[in-house]
Amino acid sequence: MILQRLALLEAVVLAQGDQAFDLMSLLPPLMIIGVLVYVMILRPEGRRRADQERLQKELKKNDEIITVGGVYGTVVNAQQDADYITIKVDENSNTKLRITRSSVQTVLNKEKKNGDKKQTK
């Protein structure tokens, strides 16, 4: 009876030792997957976010913009310390909107300048 229990205990210990080895063999592939996720997803997203914040901070008067809602306009008032800007959306009726800086998606003036630089090179 005691010999049977010892044999059973020995079998359980050996089985656990094999499982520990299997888990350790999975660690390097998991680390590689983690690095790939960082390089391919997290890092580019951080750069995109930083570029968007820089674009919103550098807004100035007469910049042509597009908001996240698809509204085209020209910046009329953009104070550096304020969280909002004023844009003119219609030349004929002089319609102005007051929007938050974070709602600016694209600055059209900078895209045109970048496009001109790319064409001249």
PDB file of N, CA and C in Angstrom:
ATOM      1  N   MET A   1       0.825  -1.178   0.000  1.00  0.00           N
ATOM      2  CA  MET A   1       0.000   0.000   0.000  1.00  0.00           C
ATOM      3  C   MET A   1       0.880   1.255   0.000  1.00  0.00           C
ATOM      4  N   ILE A   2       1.855   1.306   0.831  1.00  0.00           N
ATOM      5  CA  ILE A   2       2.755   2.448   0.892  1.00  0.00           C
ATOM      6  C   ILE A   2       3.540   2.569  -0.409  1.00  0.00           C
ATOM      7  N   LEU A   3       3.956   1.462  -0.962  1.00  0.00           N
ATOM      8  CA  LEU A   3       4.700   1.483  -2.214  1.00  0.00           C
ATOM      9  C   LEU A   3       3.843   2.011  -3.355  1.00  0.00           C
ATOM     10  N   GLN A   4       2.567   1.661  -3.315  1.00  0.00           N
ATOM     11  CA  GLN A   4       1.674   2.165  -4.368  1.00  0.00           C
ATOM     12  C   GLN A   4       1.508   3.692  -4.279  1.00  0.00           C
ATOM     13  N   ARG A   5       1.402   4.204  -3.044  1.00  0.00           N
ATOM     14  CA  ARG A   5       1.253   5.649  -2.852  1.00  0.00           C
ATOM     15  C   ARG A   5       2.532   6.376  -3.261  1.00  0.00           C
ATOM     16  N   LEU A   6       3.681   5.799  -2.936  1.00  0.00           N
ATOM     17  CA  LEU A   6       4.948   6.418  -3.338  1.00  0.00           C
ATOM     18  C   LEU A   6       5.080   6.440  -4.863  1.00  0.00           C
ATOM     19  N   ALA A   7       4.680   5.369  -5.503  1.00  0.00           N
ATOM     20  CA  ALA A   7       4.740   5.304  -6.963  1.00  0.00           C
ATOM     21  C   ALA A   7       3.793   6.346  -7.568  1.00  0.00           C
ATOM     22  N   LEU A   8       2.615   6.495  -6.983  1.00  0.00           N
ATOM     23  CA  LEU A   8       1.652   7.488  -7.463  1.00  0.00           C
ATOM     24  C   LEU A   8       2.191   8.907  -7.263  1.00  0.00           C
ATOM     25  N   LEU A   9       2.789   9.183  -6.114  1.00  0.00           N
ATOM     26  CA  LEU A   9       3.373  10.489  -5.820  1.00  0.00           C
ATOM     27  C   LEU A   9       4.515  10.796  -6.789  1.00  0.00           C
ATOM     28  N   GLU A  10       5.346   9.807  -7.059  1.00  0.00           N
ATOM     29  CA  GLU A  10       6.454   9.981  -7.992  1.00  0.00           C
ATOM     30  C   GLU A  10       5.931  10.291  -9.400  1.00  0.00           C
ATOM     31  N   ALA A  11       4.861   9.630  -9.801  1.00  0.00           N
ATOM     32  CA  ALA A  11       4.273   9.876 -11.116  1.00  0.00           C
ATOM     33  C   ALA A  11       3.712  11.301 -11.207  1.00  0.00           C
ATOM     34  N   VAL A  12       3.091  11.778 -10.112  1.00  0.00           N
ATOM     35  CA  VAL A  12       2.544  13.133 -10.094  1.00  0.00           C
ATOM     36  C   VAL A  12       3.663  14.165 -10.180  1.00  0.00           C
ATOM     37  N   VAL A  13       4.751  13.972  -9.459  1.00  0.00           N
ATOM     38  CA  VAL A  13       5.886  14.905  -9.480  1.00  0.00           C
ATOM     39  C   VAL A  13       6.516  14.940 -10.866  1.00  0.00           C
ATOM     40  N   LEU A  14       6.693  13.793 -11.478  1.00  0.00           N
ATOM     41  CA  LEU A  14       7.269  13.746 -12.819  1.00  0.00           C
ATOM     42  C   LEU A  14       6.360  14.446 -13.836  1.00  0.00           C
ATOM     43  N   ALA A  15       5.056  14.248 -13.679  1.00  0.00           N
ATOM     44  CA  ALA A  15       4.107  14.877 -14.597  1.00  0.00           C
ATOM     45  C   ALA A  15       4.154  16.398 -14.438  1.00  0.00           C
ATOM     46  N   GLN A  16       4.259  16.898 -13.222  1.00  0.00           N
ATOM     47  CA  GLN A  16       4.334  18.343 -12.993  1.00  0.00           C
ATOM     48  C   GLN A  16       5.639  18.906 -13.532  1.00  0.00           C
ATOM     49  N   GLY A  17       6.704  18.175 -13.418  1.00  0.00           N
ATOM     50  CA  GLY A  17       7.985  18.613 -13.961  1.00  0.00           C
ATOM     51  C   GLY A  17       7.914  18.768 -15.466  1.00  0.00           C
ATOM     52  N   ASP A  18       7.245  17.897 -16.162  1.00  0.00           N
ATOM     53  CA  ASP A  18       7.094  18.007 -17.609  1.00  0.00           C
ATOM     54  C   ASP A  18       6.244  19.222 -17.982  1.00  0.00           C
ATOM     55  N   GLN A  19       5.211  19.510 -17.195  1.00  0.00           N
ATOM     56  CA  GLN A  19       4.370  20.665 -17.481  1.00  0.00           C
ATOM     57  C   GLN A  19       5.141  21.964 -17.281  1.00  0.00           C
ATOM     58  N   ALA A  20       5.982  22.032 -16.263  1.00  0.00           N
ATOM     59  CA  ALA A  20       6.783  23.220 -16.021  1.00  0.00           C
ATOM     60  C   ALA A  20       7.741  23.449 -17.191  1.00  0.00           C
ATOM     61  N   PHE A  21       8.286  22.393 -17.708  1.00  0.00           N
ATOM     62  CA  PHE A  21       9.180  22.503 -18.860  1.00  0.00           C
ATOM     63  C   PHE A  21       8.411  23.004 -20.086  1.00  0.00           C
ATOM     64  N   ASP A  22       7.209  22.541 -20.284  1.00  0.00           N
ATOM     65  CA  ASP A  22       6.402  22.972 -21.420  1.00  0.00           C
ATOM     66  C   ASP A  22       6.049  24.457 -21.325  1.00  0.00           C
ATOM     67  N   LEU A  23       5.752  24.938 -20.134  1.00  0.00           N
ATOM     68  CA  LEU A  23       5.434  26.350 -19.963  1.00  0.00           C
ATOM     69  C   LEU A  23       6.655  27.222 -20.240  1.00  0.00           C
ATOM     70  N   MET A  24       7.812  26.789 -19.820  1.00  0.00           N
ATOM     71  CA  MET A  24       9.029  27.554 -20.065  1.00  0.00           C
ATOM     72  C   MET A  24       9.379  27.577 -21.550  1.00  0.00           C
ATOM     73  N   SER A  25       9.030  26.547 -22.269  1.00  0.00           N
ATOM     74  CA  SER A  25       9.329  26.529 -23.699  1.00  0.00           C
ATOM     75  C   SER A  25       8.400  27.471 -24.470  1.00  0.00           C
ATOM     76  N   LEU A  26       7.274  27.863 -23.888  1.00  0.00           N
ATOM     77  CA  LEU A  26       6.359  28.804 -24.520  1.00  0.00           C
ATOM     78  C   LEU A  26       6.744  30.269 -24.276  1.00  0.00           C
ATOM     79  N   LEU A  27       7.605  30.521 -23.327  1.00  0.00           N
ATOM     80  CA  LEU A  27       7.952  31.893 -22.969  1.00  0.00           C
ATOM     81  C   LEU A  27       8.616  32.673 -24.111  1.00  0.00           C
ATOM     82  N   PRO A  28       9.629  32.152 -24.794  1.00  0.00           N
ATOM     83  CA  PRO A  28      10.243  32.939 -25.886  1.00  0.00           C
ATOM     84  C   PRO A  28       9.272  33.315 -27.007  1.00  0.00           C
ATOM     85  N   PRO A  29       8.425  32.412 -27.493  1.00  0.00           N
ATOM     86  CA  PRO A  29       7.476  32.852 -28.526  1.00  0.00           C
ATOM     87  C   PRO A  29       6.498  33.930 -28.026  1.00  0.00           C
ATOM     88  N   LEU A  30       6.085  33.832 -26.767  1.00  0.00           N
ATOM     89  CA  LEU A  30       5.197  34.853 -26.210  1.00  0.00           C
ATOM     90  C   LEU A  30       5.895  36.209 -26.121  1.00  0.00           C
ATOM     91  N   MET A  31       7.169  36.194 -25.782  1.00  0.00           N
ATOM     92  CA  MET A  31       7.937  37.444 -25.719  1.00  0.00           C
ATOM     93  C   MET A  31       8.075  38.055 -27.120  1.00  0.00           C
ATOM     94  N   ILE A  32       8.309  37.221 -28.118  1.00  0.00           N
ATOM     95  CA  ILE A  32       8.429  37.709 -29.490  1.00  0.00           C
ATOM     96  C   ILE A  32       7.107  38.320 -29.950  1.00  0.00           C
ATOM     97  N   ILE A  33       6.001  37.679 -29.619  1.00  0.00           N
ATOM     98  CA  ILE A  33       4.681  38.203 -29.977  1.00  0.00           C
ATOM     99  C   ILE A  33       4.454  39.550 -29.295  1.00  0.00           C
ATOM    100  N   GLY A  34       4.845  39.665 -28.037  1.00  0.00           N
ATOM    101  CA  GLY A  34       4.703  40.931 -27.316  1.00  0.00           C
ATOM    102  C   GLY A  34       5.499  42.055 -27.966  1.00  0.00           C
ATOM    103  N   VAL A  35       6.715  41.773 -28.380  1.00  0.00           N
ATOM    104  CA  VAL A  35       7.546  42.780 -29.044  1.00  0.00           C
ATOM    105  C   VAL A  35       6.919  43.181 -30.376  1.00  0.00           C
ATOM    106  N   LEU A  36       6.404  42.218 -31.136  1.00  0.00           N
ATOM    107  CA  LEU A  36       5.768  42.527 -32.416  1.00  0.00           C
ATOM    108  C   LEU A  36       4.528  43.392 -32.234  1.00  0.00           C
ATOM    109  N   VAL A  37       3.732  43.112 -31.218  1.00  0.00           N
ATOM    110  CA  VAL A  37       2.543  43.927 -30.945  1.00  0.00           C
ATOM    111  C   VAL A  37       2.962  45.358 -30.630  1.00  0.00           C
ATOM    112  N   TYR A  38       4.006  45.517 -29.841  1.00  0.00           N
ATOM    113  CA  TYR A  38       4.485  46.855 -29.506  1.00  0.00           C
ATOM    114  C   TYR A  38       4.961  47.597 -30.755  1.00  0.00           C
ATOM    115  N   VAL A  39       5.779  46.940 -31.553  1.00  0.00           N
ATOM    116  CA  VAL A  39       6.375  47.588 -32.718  1.00  0.00           C
ATOM    117  C   VAL A  39       5.348  47.869 -33.804  1.00  0.00           C
ATOM    118  N   MET A  40       4.411  46.968 -34.013  1.00  0.00           N
ATOM    119  CA  MET A  40       3.483  47.120 -35.131  1.00  0.00           C
ATOM    120  C   MET A  40       2.205  47.877 -34.777  1.00  0.00           C
ATOM    121  N   ILE A  41       1.815  47.908 -33.503  1.00  0.00           N
ATOM    122  CA  ILE A  41       0.538  48.528 -33.142  1.00  0.00           C
ATOM    123  C   ILE A  41       0.713  49.706 -32.185  1.00  0.00           C
ATOM    124  N   LEU A  42       1.329  49.480 -31.055  1.00  0.00           N
ATOM    125  CA  LEU A  42       1.368  50.507 -30.013  1.00  0.00           C
ATOM    126  C   LEU A  42       2.255  51.691 -30.374  1.00  0.00           C
ATOM    127  N   ARG A  43       3.429  51.446 -30.901  1.00  0.00           N
ATOM    128  CA  ARG A  43       4.357  52.526 -31.213  1.00  0.00           C
ATOM    129  C   ARG A  43       3.817  53.445 -32.322  1.00  0.00           C
ATOM    130  N   PRO A  44       3.332  52.912 -33.449  1.00  0.00           N
ATOM    131  CA  PRO A  44       2.777  53.812 -34.473  1.00  0.00           C
ATOM    132  C   PRO A  44       1.566  54.606 -33.977  1.00  0.00           C
ATOM    133  N   GLU A  45       0.746  54.004 -33.137  1.00  0.00           N
ATOM    134  CA  GLU A  45      -0.417  54.706 -32.591  1.00  0.00           C
ATOM    135  C   GLU A  45       0.035  55.873 -31.722  1.00  0.00           C
ATOM    136  N   GLY A  46       1.080  55.673 -30.937  1.00  0.00           N
ATOM    137  CA  GLY A  46       1.614  56.750 -30.109  1.00  0.00           C
ATOM    138  C   GLY A  46       2.163  57.895 -30.952  1.00  0.00           C
ATOM    139  N   ARG A  47       2.842  57.553 -32.038  1.00  0.00           N
ATOM    140  CA  ARG A  47       3.363  58.586 -32.931  1.00  0.00           C
ATOM    141  C   ARG A  47       2.225  59.361 -33.588  1.00  0.00           C
ATOM    142  N   ARG A  48       1.193  58.650 -34.024  1.00  0.00           N
ATOM    143  CA  ARG A  48       0.057  59.307 -34.656  1.00  0.00           C
ATOM    144  C   ARG A  48      -0.613  60.267 -33.680  1.00  0.00           C
ATOM    145  N   ARG A  49      -0.765  59.820 -32.439  1.00  0.00           N
ATOM    146  CA  ARG A  49      -1.392  60.657 -31.414  1.00  0.00           C
ATOM    147  C   ARG A  49      -0.541  61.905 -31.143  1.00  0.00           C
ATOM    148  N   ALA A  50       0.779  61.745 -31.075  1.00  0.00           N
ATOM    149  CA  ALA A  50       1.659  62.885 -30.836  1.00  0.00           C
ATOM    150  C   ALA A  50       1.609  63.870 -32.004  1.00  0.00           C
ATOM    151  N   ASP A  51       1.558  63.360 -33.228  1.00  0.00           N
ATOM    152  CA  ASP A  51       1.451  64.238 -34.398  1.00  0.00           C
ATOM    153  C   ASP A  51       0.145  65.018 -34.386  1.00  0.00           C
ATOM    154  N   GLN A  52      -0.944  64.359 -34.001  1.00  0.00           N
ATOM    155  CA  GLN A  52      -2.252  65.020 -33.956  1.00  0.00           C
ATOM    156  C   GLN A  52      -2.265  66.116 -32.883  1.00  0.00           C
ATOM    157  N   GLU A  53      -1.671  65.854 -31.721  1.00  0.00           N
ATOM    158  CA  GLU A  53      -1.606  66.865 -30.661  1.00  0.00           C
ATOM    159  C   GLU A  53      -0.758  68.053 -31.099  1.00  0.00           C
ATOM    160  N   ARG A  54       0.360  67.791 -31.777  1.00  0.00           N
ATOM    161  CA  ARG A  54       1.217  68.866 -32.274  1.00  0.00           C
ATOM    162  C   ARG A  54       0.467  69.714 -33.300  1.00  0.00           C
ATOM    163  N   LEU A  55      -0.264  69.066 -34.208  1.00  0.00           N
ATOM    164  CA  LEU A  55      -1.042  69.770 -35.220  1.00  0.00           C
ATOM    165  C   LEU A  55      -2.068  70.696 -34.565  1.00  0.00           C
ATOM    166  N   GLN A  56      -2.735  70.214 -33.517  1.00  0.00           N
ATOM    167  CA  GLN A  56      -3.758  71.010 -32.842  1.00  0.00           C
ATOM    168  C   GLN A  56      -3.154  72.173 -32.065  1.00  0.00           C
ATOM    169  N   LYS A  57      -1.954  71.996 -31.533  1.00  0.00           N
ATOM    170  CA  LYS A  57      -1.310  73.084 -30.788  1.00  0.00           C
ATOM    171  C   LYS A  57      -0.773  74.168 -31.718  1.00  0.00           C
ATOM    172  N   GLU A  58      -0.403  73.804 -32.947  1.00  0.00           N
ATOM    173  CA  GLU A  58       0.206  74.747 -33.876  1.00  0.00           C
ATOM    174  C   GLU A  58      -0.799  75.486 -34.752  1.00  0.00           C
ATOM    175  N   LEU A  59      -2.090  75.401 -34.451  1.00  0.00           N
ATOM    176  CA  LEU A  59      -3.091  76.102 -35.245  1.00  0.00           C
ATOM    177  C   LEU A  59      -2.896  77.609 -35.141  1.00  0.00           C
ATOM    178  N   LYS A  60      -3.056  78.284 -36.272  1.00  0.00           N
ATOM    179  CA  LYS A  60      -2.931  79.738 -36.281  1.00  0.00           C
ATOM    180  C   LYS A  60      -3.978  80.341 -37.214  1.00  0.00           C
ATOM    181  N   LYS A  61      -4.098  81.631 -37.179  1.00  0.00           N
ATOM    182  CA  LYS A  61      -5.100  82.339 -37.974  1.00  0.00           C
ATOM    183  C   LYS A  61      -4.877  82.069 -39.467  1.00  0.00           C
ATOM    184  N   ASN A  62      -5.972  81.924 -40.202  1.00  0.00           N
ATOM    185  CA  ASN A  62      -6.020  81.681 -41.647  1.00  0.00           C
ATOM    186  C   ASN A  62      -5.635  80.260 -42.062  1.00  0.00           C
ATOM    187  N   ASP A  63      -5.476  79.343 -41.126  1.00  0.00           N
ATOM    188  CA  ASP A  63      -5.292  77.927 -41.483  1.00  0.00           C
ATOM    189  C   ASP A  63      -6.628  77.366 -41.939  1.00  0.00           C
ATOM    190  N   GLU A  64      -6.613  76.659 -43.052  1.00  0.00           N
ATOM    191  CA  GLU A  64      -7.824  75.982 -43.515  1.00  0.00           C
ATOM    192  C   GLU A  64      -7.837  74.594 -42.888  1.00  0.00           C
ATOM    193  N   ILE A  65      -8.977  74.232 -42.265  1.00  0.00           N
ATOM    194  CA  ILE A  65      -9.043  72.980 -41.509  1.00  0.00           C
ATOM    195  C   ILE A  65     -10.274  72.168 -41.895  1.00  0.00           C
ATOM    196  N   ILE A  66     -10.245  70.896 -41.487  1.00  0.00           N
ATOM    197  CA  ILE A  66     -11.409  70.014 -41.541  1.00  0.00           C
ATOM    198  C   ILE A  66     -11.591  69.466 -40.133  1.00  0.00           C
ATOM    199  N   THR A  67     -12.827  69.529 -39.630  1.00  0.00           N
ATOM    200  CA  THR A  67     -13.095  68.990 -38.295  1.00  0.00           C
ATOM    201  C   THR A  67     -13.407  67.502 -38.387  1.00  0.00           C
ATOM    202  N   VAL A  68     -13.480  66.839 -37.234  1.00  0.00           N
ATOM    203  CA  VAL A  68     -13.807  65.416 -37.221  1.00  0.00           C
ATOM    204  C   VAL A  68     -15.232  65.174 -37.707  1.00  0.00           C
ATOM    205  N   GLY A  69     -16.066  66.195 -37.677  1.00  0.00           N
ATOM    206  CA  GLY A  69     -17.434  66.082 -38.184  1.00  0.00           C
ATOM    207  C   GLY A  69     -17.545  66.360 -39.671  1.00  0.00           C
ATOM    208  N   GLY A  70     -16.422  66.724 -40.314  1.00  0.00           N
ATOM    209  CA  GLY A  70     -16.430  66.973 -41.743  1.00  0.00           C
ATOM    210  C   GLY A  70     -16.704  68.404 -42.129  1.00  0.00           C
ATOM    211  N   VAL A  71     -16.649  69.322 -41.190  1.00  0.00           N
ATOM    212  CA  VAL A  71     -16.900  70.732 -41.473  1.00  0.00           C
ATOM    213  C   VAL A  71     -15.595  71.382 -41.933  1.00  0.00           C
ATOM    214  N   TYR A  72     -15.643  72.036 -43.107  1.00  0.00           N
ATOM    215  CA  TYR A  72     -14.498  72.783 -43.616  1.00  0.00           C
ATOM    216  C   TYR A  72     -14.589  74.210 -43.107  1.00  0.00           C
ATOM    217  N   GLY A  73     -13.442  74.781 -42.732  1.00  0.00           N
ATOM    218  CA  GLY A  73     -13.462  76.152 -42.263  1.00  0.00           C
ATOM    219  C   GLY A  73     -12.083  76.762 -42.256  1.00  0.00           C
ATOM    220  N   THR A  74     -12.043  78.069 -41.976  1.00  0.00           N
ATOM    221  CA  THR A  74     -10.800  78.829 -41.877  1.00  0.00           C
ATOM    222  C   THR A  74     -10.703  79.376 -40.458  1.00  0.00           C
ATOM    223  N   VAL A  75      -9.551  79.198 -39.841  1.00  0.00           N
ATOM    224  CA  VAL A  75      -9.356  79.650 -38.462  1.00  0.00           C
ATOM    225  C   VAL A  75      -9.353  81.175 -38.433  1.00  0.00           C
ATOM    226  N   VAL A  76     -10.191  81.733 -37.561  1.00  0.00           N
ATOM    227  CA  VAL A  76     -10.285  83.175 -37.394  1.00  0.00           C
ATOM    228  C   VAL A  76      -9.574  83.596 -36.112  1.00  0.00           C
ATOM    229  N   ASN A  77      -9.738  82.816 -35.063  1.00  0.00           N
ATOM    230  CA  ASN A  77      -9.160  83.148 -33.772  1.00  0.00           C
ATOM    231  C   ASN A  77      -8.645  81.863 -33.130  1.00  0.00           C
ATOM    232  N   ALA A  78      -7.349  81.834 -32.825  1.00  0.00           N
ATOM    233  CA  ALA A  78      -6.754  80.655 -32.182  1.00  0.00           C
ATOM    234  C   ALA A  78      -5.748  81.120 -31.150  1.00  0.00           C
ATOM    235  N   GLN A  79      -6.218  81.297 -29.931  1.00  0.00           N
ATOM    236  CA  GLN A  79      -5.312  81.673 -28.851  1.00  0.00           C
ATOM    237  C   GLN A  79      -4.597  80.431 -28.347  1.00  0.00           C
ATOM    238  N   GLN A  80      -3.309  80.554 -28.080  1.00  0.00           N
ATOM    239  CA  GLN A  80      -2.495  79.406 -27.697  1.00  0.00           C
ATOM    240  C   GLN A  80      -2.922  78.790 -26.362  1.00  0.00           C
ATOM    241  N   ASP A  81      -3.370  79.603 -25.424  1.00  0.00           N
ATOM    242  CA  ASP A  81      -3.713  79.085 -24.096  1.00  0.00           C
ATOM    243  C   ASP A  81      -5.165  78.613 -23.984  1.00  0.00           C
ATOM    244  N   ALA A  82      -5.970  78.822 -25.032  1.00  0.00           N
ATOM    245  CA  ALA A  82      -7.387  78.454 -24.995  1.00  0.00           C
ATOM    246  C   ALA A  82      -7.595  77.038 -25.523  1.00  0.00           C
ATOM    247  N   ASP A  83      -8.638  76.380 -25.028  1.00  0.00           N
ATOM    248  CA  ASP A  83      -8.985  75.034 -25.485  1.00  0.00           C
ATOM    249  C   ASP A  83      -9.887  75.060 -26.713  1.00  0.00           C
ATOM    250  N   TYR A  84     -10.292  76.221 -27.152  1.00  0.00           N
ATOM    251  CA  TYR A  84     -11.206  76.326 -28.284  1.00  0.00           C
ATOM    252  C   TYR A  84     -10.627  77.286 -29.318  1.00  0.00           C
ATOM    253  N   ILE A  85     -11.144  77.192 -30.542  1.00  0.00           N
ATOM    254  CA  ILE A  85     -10.797  78.114 -31.618  1.00  0.00           C
ATOM    255  C   ILE A  85     -12.085  78.550 -32.295  1.00  0.00           C
ATOM    256  N   THR A  86     -12.005  79.636 -33.056  1.00  0.00           N
ATOM    257  CA  THR A  86     -13.151  80.111 -33.826  1.00  0.00           C
ATOM    258  C   THR A  86     -12.819  79.938 -35.299  1.00  0.00           C
ATOM    259  N   ILE A  87     -13.760  79.315 -36.034  1.00  0.00           N
ATOM    260  CA  ILE A  87     -13.553  79.130 -37.466  1.00  0.00           C
ATOM    261  C   ILE A  87     -14.683  79.791 -38.241  1.00  0.00           C
ATOM    262  N   LYS A  88     -14.358  80.257 -39.449  1.00  0.00           N
ATOM    263  CA  LYS A  88     -15.361  80.822 -40.356  1.00  0.00           C
ATOM    264  C   LYS A  88     -15.683  79.741 -41.373  1.00  0.00           C
ATOM    265  N   VAL A  89     -16.972  79.384 -41.487  1.00  0.00           N
ATOM    266  CA  VAL A  89     -17.371  78.294 -42.369  1.00  0.00           C
ATOM    267  C   VAL A  89     -18.047  78.782 -43.646  1.00  0.00           C
ATOM    268  N   ASP A  90     -18.471  80.049 -43.699  1.00  0.00           N
ATOM    269  CA  ASP A  90     -19.137  80.561 -44.897  1.00  0.00           C
ATOM    270  C   ASP A  90     -18.689  81.995 -45.131  1.00  0.00           C
ATOM    271  N   GLU A  91     -18.145  82.238 -46.307  1.00  0.00           N
ATOM    272  CA  GLU A  91     -17.650  83.575 -46.645  1.00  0.00           C
ATOM    273  C   GLU A  91     -18.802  84.562 -46.858  1.00  0.00           C
ATOM    274  N   ASN A  92     -19.890  84.131 -47.490  1.00  0.00           N
ATOM    275  CA  ASN A  92     -20.988  85.040 -47.837  1.00  0.00           C
ATOM    276  C   ASN A  92     -21.726  85.552 -46.610  1.00  0.00           C
ATOM    277  N   SER A  93     -22.099  84.664 -45.703  1.00  0.00           N
ATOM    278  CA  SER A  93     -22.873  85.079 -44.538  1.00  0.00           C
ATOM    279  C   SER A  93     -21.993  85.310 -43.311  1.00  0.00           C
ATOM    280  N   ASN A  94     -20.691  85.113 -43.460  1.00  0.00           N
ATOM    281  CA  ASN A  94     -19.733  85.315 -42.368  1.00  0.00           C
ATOM    282  C   ASN A  94     -20.083  84.460 -41.142  1.00  0.00           C
ATOM    283  N   THR A  95     -20.497  83.222 -41.389  1.00  0.00           N
ATOM    284  CA  THR A  95     -20.866  82.299 -40.315  1.00  0.00           C
ATOM    285  C   THR A  95     -19.616  81.794 -39.613  1.00  0.00           C
ATOM    286  N   LYS A  96     -19.622  81.886 -38.276  1.00  0.00           N
ATOM    287  CA  LYS A  96     -18.480  81.444 -37.481  1.00  0.00           C
ATOM    288  C   LYS A  96     -18.925  80.387 -36.488  1.00  0.00           C
ATOM    289  N   LEU A  97     -18.030  79.455 -36.209  1.00  0.00           N
ATOM    290  CA  LEU A  97     -18.276  78.418 -35.212  1.00  0.00           C
ATOM    291  C   LEU A  97     -17.146  78.424 -34.198  1.00  0.00           C
ATOM    292  N   ARG A  98     -17.505  78.181 -32.977  1.00  0.00           N
ATOM    293  CA  ARG A  98     -16.508  78.043 -31.913  1.00  0.00           C
ATOM    294  C   ARG A  98     -16.398  76.550 -31.608  1.00  0.00           C
ATOM    295  N   ILE A  99     -15.206  75.971 -31.807  1.00  0.00           N
ATOM    296  CA  ILE A  99     -15.006  74.529 -31.637  1.00  0.00           C
ATOM    297  C   ILE A  99     -13.794  74.271 -30.743  1.00  0.00           C
ATOM    298  N   THR A 100     -13.726  73.085 -30.198  1.00  0.00           N
ATOM    299  CA  THR A 100     -12.559  72.708 -29.401  1.00  0.00           C
ATOM    300  C   THR A 100     -11.393  72.356 -30.313  1.00  0.00           C
ATOM    301  N   ARG A 101     -10.188  72.545 -29.828  1.00  0.00           N
ATOM    302  CA  ARG A 101      -9.000  72.208 -30.614  1.00  0.00           C
ATOM    303  C   ARG A 101      -8.966  70.717 -30.956  1.00  0.00           C
ATOM    304  N   SER A 102      -9.461  69.891 -30.046  1.00  0.00           N
ATOM    305  CA  SER A 102      -9.398  68.450 -30.268  1.00  0.00           C
ATOM    306  C   SER A 102     -10.315  67.979 -31.385  1.00  0.00           C
ATOM    307  N   SER A 103     -11.243  68.835 -31.834  1.00  0.00           N
ATOM    308  CA  SER A 103     -12.131  68.441 -32.931  1.00  0.00           C
ATOM    309  C   SER A 103     -11.532  68.732 -34.300  1.00  0.00           C
ATOM    310  N   VAL A 104     -10.314  69.288 -34.354  1.00  0.00           N
ATOM    311  CA  VAL A 104      -9.635  69.533 -35.626  1.00  0.00           C
ATOM    312  C   VAL A 104      -8.960  68.246 -36.062  1.00  0.00           C
ATOM    313  N   GLN A 105      -9.302  67.787 -37.263  1.00  0.00           N
ATOM    314  CA  GLN A 105      -8.731  66.546 -37.776  1.00  0.00           C
ATOM    315  C   GLN A 105      -7.558  66.808 -38.717  1.00  0.00           C
ATOM    316  N   THR A 106      -7.701  67.767 -39.627  1.00  0.00           N
ATOM    317  CA  THR A 106      -6.694  68.000 -40.649  1.00  0.00           C
ATOM    318  C   THR A 106      -6.524  69.491 -40.880  1.00  0.00           C
ATOM    319  N   VAL A 107      -5.289  69.895 -41.136  1.00  0.00           N
ATOM    320  CA  VAL A 107      -4.999  71.261 -41.561  1.00  0.00           C
ATOM    321  C   VAL A 107      -4.649  71.197 -43.040  1.00  0.00           C
ATOM    322  N   LEU A 108      -5.470  71.800 -43.872  1.00  0.00           N
ATOM    323  CA  LEU A 108      -5.291  71.707 -45.325  1.00  0.00           C
ATOM    324  C   LEU A 108      -4.089  72.498 -45.822  1.00  0.00           C
ATOM    325  N   ASN A 109      -3.785  73.637 -45.226  1.00  0.00           N
ATOM    326  CA  ASN A 109      -2.644  74.445 -45.665  1.00  0.00           C
ATOM    327  C   ASN A 109      -1.349  73.650 -45.596  1.00  0.00           C
ATOM    328  N   LYS A 110      -1.154  72.920 -44.528  1.00  0.00           N
ATOM    329  CA  LYS A 110       0.092  72.171 -44.346  1.00  0.00           C
ATOM    330  C   LYS A 110       0.181  71.015 -45.335  1.00  0.00           C
ATOM    331  N   GLU A 111      -0.943  70.412 -45.666  1.00  0.00           N
ATOM    332  CA  GLU A 111      -0.931  69.330 -46.649  1.00  0.00           C
ATOM    333  C   GLU A 111      -0.535  69.872 -48.016  1.00  0.00           C
ATOM    334  N   LYS A 112      -1.041  71.045 -48.380  1.00  0.00           N
ATOM    335  CA  LYS A 112      -0.690  71.631 -49.669  1.00  0.00           C
ATOM    336  C   LYS A 112       0.793  71.970 -49.720  1.00  0.00           C
ATOM    337  N   LYS A 113       1.320  72.528 -48.630  1.00  0.00           N
ATOM    338  CA  LYS A 113       2.747  72.867 -48.591  1.00  0.00           C
ATOM    339  C   LYS A 113       3.600  71.605 -48.667  1.00  0.00           C
ATOM    340  N   ASN A 114       3.224  70.556 -47.935  1.00  0.00           N
ATOM    341  CA  ASN A 114       3.964  69.307 -47.989  1.00  0.00           C
ATOM    342  C   ASN A 114       3.891  68.692 -49.377  1.00  0.00           C
ATOM    343  N   GLY A 115       2.739  68.794 -50.020  1.00  0.00           N
ATOM    344  CA  GLY A 115       2.583  68.253 -51.376  1.00  0.00           C
ATOM    345  C   GLY A 115       3.446  69.013 -52.355  1.00  0.00           C
ATOM    346  N   ASP A 116       3.548  70.345 -52.211  1.00  0.00           N
ATOM    347  CA  ASP A 116       4.401  71.147 -53.090  1.00  0.00           C
ATOM    348  C   ASP A 116       5.870  70.799 -52.905  1.00  0.00           C
ATOM    349  N   LYS A 117       6.282  70.566 -51.677  1.00  0.00           N
ATOM    350  CA  LYS A 117       7.671  70.208 -51.402  1.00  0.00           C
ATOM    351  C   LYS A 117       8.008  68.848 -52.012  1.00  0.00           C
ATOM    352  N   LYS A 118       7.071  67.907 -51.926  1.00  0.00           N
ATOM    353  CA  LYS A 118       7.314  66.580 -52.477  1.00  0.00           C
ATOM    354  C   LYS A 118       7.420  66.631 -53.999  1.00  0.00           C
ATOM    355  N   GLN A 119       6.617  67.490 -54.641  1.00  0.00           N
ATOM    356  CA  GLN A 119       6.645  67.577 -56.098  1.00  0.00           C
ATOM    357  C   GLN A 119       7.912  68.236 -56.600  1.00  0.00           C
ATOM    358  N   THR A 120       8.456  69.197 -55.849  1.00  0.00           N
ATOM    359  CA  THR A 120       9.651  69.897 -56.306  1.00  0.00           C
ATOM    360  C   THR A 120      10.906  69.050 -56.134  1.00  0.00           C
ATOM    361  N   LYS A 121      10.871  68.099 -55.250  1.00  0.00           N
ATOM    362  CA  LYS A 121      12.068  67.280 -55.022  1.00  0.00           C
ATOM    363  C   LYS A 121      12.211  66.234 -56.035  1.00  0.00           C
TER     364      LYS A 121
END
